[in-house]
């Protein structure tokens, strides 16, 4: 649809040595309208805080990286490298 920005759902799964991350992102009008992280990774913090943080963020790698800032993603996902998570979120 030329000139349209339809709603889309993105589903990505990747296995890391520290566990699997199953990611579901709802994108509406170019922004994240919903996001859920599932998997068997071993983080200390609840990923729900990151999910809430990312809602409303433009679905662009730079915008997501800016929103995450210098947060310690290892606290949420264990020993999964930050760049690998960014590649999963927005390749």
C-alpha atoms as a PDB file:
ATOM      1  CA  UNK A   1       0.000   0.000   0.000  1.00  0.00           C
ATOM      2  CA  UNK A   2       1.834   3.035  -1.255  1.00  0.00           C
ATOM      3  CA  UNK A   3       1.633   5.912   1.200  1.00  0.00           C
ATOM      4  CA  UNK A   4       0.078   3.706   3.870  1.00  0.00           C
ATOM      5  CA  UNK A   5       1.727   2.491   7.062  1.00  0.00           C
ATOM      6  CA  UNK A   6      -0.285  -0.590   8.014  1.00  0.00           C
ATOM      7  CA  UNK A   7      -0.065  -2.347  11.344  1.00  0.00           C
ATOM      8  CA  UNK A   8       2.370  -5.236  11.363  1.00  0.00           C
ATOM      9  CA  UNK A   9       3.478  -7.926  13.773  1.00  0.00           C
ATOM     10  CA  UNK A  10       7.102  -8.974  13.913  1.00  0.00           C
ATOM     11  CA  UNK A  11       8.089 -12.320  15.401  1.00  0.00           C
ATOM     12  CA  UNK A  12      11.729 -13.264  15.819  1.00  0.00           C
ATOM     13  CA  UNK A  13      13.353 -16.058  17.784  1.00  0.00           C
ATOM     14  CA  UNK A  14      17.024 -16.670  18.357  1.00  0.00           C
ATOM     15  CA  UNK A  15      18.930 -19.178  20.462  1.00  0.00           C
ATOM     16  CA  UNK A  16      21.996 -17.860  22.279  1.00  0.00           C
ATOM     17  CA  UNK A  17      24.380 -19.773  24.526  1.00  0.00           C
ATOM     18  CA  UNK A  18      22.681 -18.040  27.480  1.00  0.00           C
ATOM     19  CA  UNK A  19      19.160 -19.003  26.363  1.00  0.00           C
ATOM     20  CA  UNK A  20      16.496 -18.393  23.772  1.00  0.00           C
ATOM     21  CA  UNK A  21      14.783 -15.058  23.166  1.00  0.00           C
ATOM     22  CA  UNK A  22      11.363 -15.100  21.503  1.00  0.00           C
ATOM     23  CA  UNK A  23      10.382 -11.554  20.544  1.00  0.00           C
ATOM     24  CA  UNK A  24       6.972 -10.267  19.428  1.00  0.00           C
ATOM     25  CA  UNK A  25       6.621  -6.648  18.316  1.00  0.00           C
ATOM     26  CA  UNK A  26       3.460  -4.899  17.162  1.00  0.00           C
ATOM     27  CA  UNK A  27       4.226  -1.888  14.981  1.00  0.00           C
ATOM     28  CA  UNK A  28       1.588   0.682  14.154  1.00  0.00           C
ATOM     29  CA  UNK A  29       2.240   3.869  12.192  1.00  0.00           C
ATOM     30  CA  UNK A  30       5.987   3.267  12.404  1.00  0.00           C
ATOM     31  CA  UNK A  31       6.130   2.981  16.200  1.00  0.00           C
ATOM     32  CA  UNK A  32       6.136   0.081  18.642  1.00  0.00           C
ATOM     33  CA  UNK A  33       2.578  -0.298  19.931  1.00  0.00           C
ATOM     34  CA  UNK A  34       3.283  -3.492  21.858  1.00  0.00           C
ATOM     35  CA  UNK A  35       6.287  -5.684  22.572  1.00  0.00           C
ATOM     36  CA  UNK A  36       6.795  -8.941  24.495  1.00  0.00           C
ATOM     37  CA  UNK A  37       9.923 -10.902  25.337  1.00  0.00           C
ATOM     38  CA  UNK A  38       9.626 -14.624  26.006  1.00  0.00           C
ATOM     39  CA  UNK A  39      12.306 -17.233  26.486  1.00  0.00           C
ATOM     40  CA  UNK A  40      14.482 -19.207  28.831  1.00  0.00           C
ATOM     41  CA  UNK A  41      17.187 -16.563  29.356  1.00  0.00           C
ATOM     42  CA  UNK A  42      18.227 -15.944  32.947  1.00  0.00           C
ATOM     43  CA  UNK A  43      17.937 -12.270  33.823  1.00  0.00           C
ATOM     44  CA  UNK A  44      17.646 -10.775  37.304  1.00  0.00           C
ATOM     45  CA  UNK A  45      15.180  -8.041  36.352  1.00  0.00           C
ATOM     46  CA  UNK A  46      11.650  -8.278  34.932  1.00  0.00           C
ATOM     47  CA  UNK A  47      11.645  -7.672  31.160  1.00  0.00           C
ATOM     48  CA  UNK A  48       8.212  -6.068  31.587  1.00  0.00           C
ATOM     49  CA  UNK A  49       9.988  -2.830  32.480  1.00  0.00           C
ATOM     50  CA  UNK A  50      11.779  -2.841  29.119  1.00  0.00           C
ATOM     51  CA  UNK A  51       8.564  -3.704  27.303  1.00  0.00           C
ATOM     52  CA  UNK A  52       6.810  -0.712  28.865  1.00  0.00           C
ATOM     53  CA  UNK A  53       9.788   1.530  28.107  1.00  0.00           C
ATOM     54  CA  UNK A  54       9.816   0.651  24.399  1.00  0.00           C
ATOM     55  CA  UNK A  55       6.099   1.169  23.695  1.00  0.00           C
ATOM     56  CA  UNK A  56       5.712   4.342  21.650  1.00  0.00           C
ATOM     57  CA  UNK A  57       9.295   4.267  20.378  1.00  0.00           C
ATOM     58  CA  UNK A  58       9.747   4.608  16.605  1.00  0.00           C
ATOM     59  CA  UNK A  59      10.648   1.233  15.107  1.00  0.00           C
ATOM     60  CA  UNK A  60      14.125   2.304  14.074  1.00  0.00           C
ATOM     61  CA  UNK A  61      17.366   0.885  15.417  1.00  0.00           C
ATOM     62  CA  UNK A  62      18.717   4.298  16.461  1.00  0.00           C
ATOM     63  CA  UNK A  63      15.507   5.241  18.298  1.00  0.00           C
ATOM     64  CA  UNK A  64      15.434   1.897  20.134  1.00  0.00           C
ATOM     65  CA  UNK A  65      19.123   2.222  21.064  1.00  0.00           C
ATOM     66  CA  UNK A  66      18.534   5.761  22.348  1.00  0.00           C
ATOM     67  CA  UNK A  67      15.545   4.658  24.403  1.00  0.00           C
ATOM     68  CA  UNK A  68      17.498   1.782  25.960  1.00  0.00           C
ATOM     69  CA  UNK A  69      20.366   4.175  26.652  1.00  0.00           C
ATOM     70  CA  UNK A  70      23.017   2.712  28.897  1.00  0.00           C
ATOM     71  CA  UNK A  71      20.675   0.289  30.674  1.00  0.00           C
ATOM     72  CA  UNK A  72      22.362  -2.923  31.741  1.00  0.00           C
ATOM     73  CA  UNK A  73      20.615  -5.376  29.407  1.00  0.00           C
ATOM     74  CA  UNK A  74      22.462  -8.265  31.103  1.00  0.00           C
ATOM     75  CA  UNK A  75      20.246  -7.622  34.137  1.00  0.00           C
ATOM     76  CA  UNK A  76      17.242  -8.531  31.962  1.00  0.00           C
ATOM     77  CA  UNK A  77      18.670 -11.141  29.581  1.00  0.00           C
ATOM     78  CA  UNK A  78      21.678 -12.627  31.327  1.00  0.00           C
ATOM     79  CA  UNK A  79      24.829 -13.226  29.329  1.00  0.00           C
ATOM     80  CA  UNK A  80      23.413 -12.275  25.907  1.00  0.00           C
ATOM     81  CA  UNK A  81      25.511  -9.579  24.187  1.00  0.00           C
ATOM     82  CA  UNK A  82      23.875  -6.168  23.768  1.00  0.00           C
ATOM     83  CA  UNK A  83      24.602  -6.006  20.004  1.00  0.00           C
ATOM     84  CA  UNK A  84      23.038  -9.439  19.490  1.00  0.00           C
ATOM     85  CA  UNK A  85      19.866  -8.254  21.238  1.00  0.00           C
ATOM     86  CA  UNK A  86      19.837  -5.077  19.128  1.00  0.00           C
ATOM     87  CA  UNK A  87      20.200  -7.215  15.983  1.00  0.00           C
ATOM     88  CA  UNK A  88      17.207  -9.264  17.103  1.00  0.00           C
ATOM     89  CA  UNK A  89      15.118  -6.191  17.965  1.00  0.00           C
ATOM     90  CA  UNK A  90      15.777  -4.281  14.782  1.00  0.00           C
ATOM     91  CA  UNK A  91      18.146  -5.762  12.194  1.00  0.00           C
END
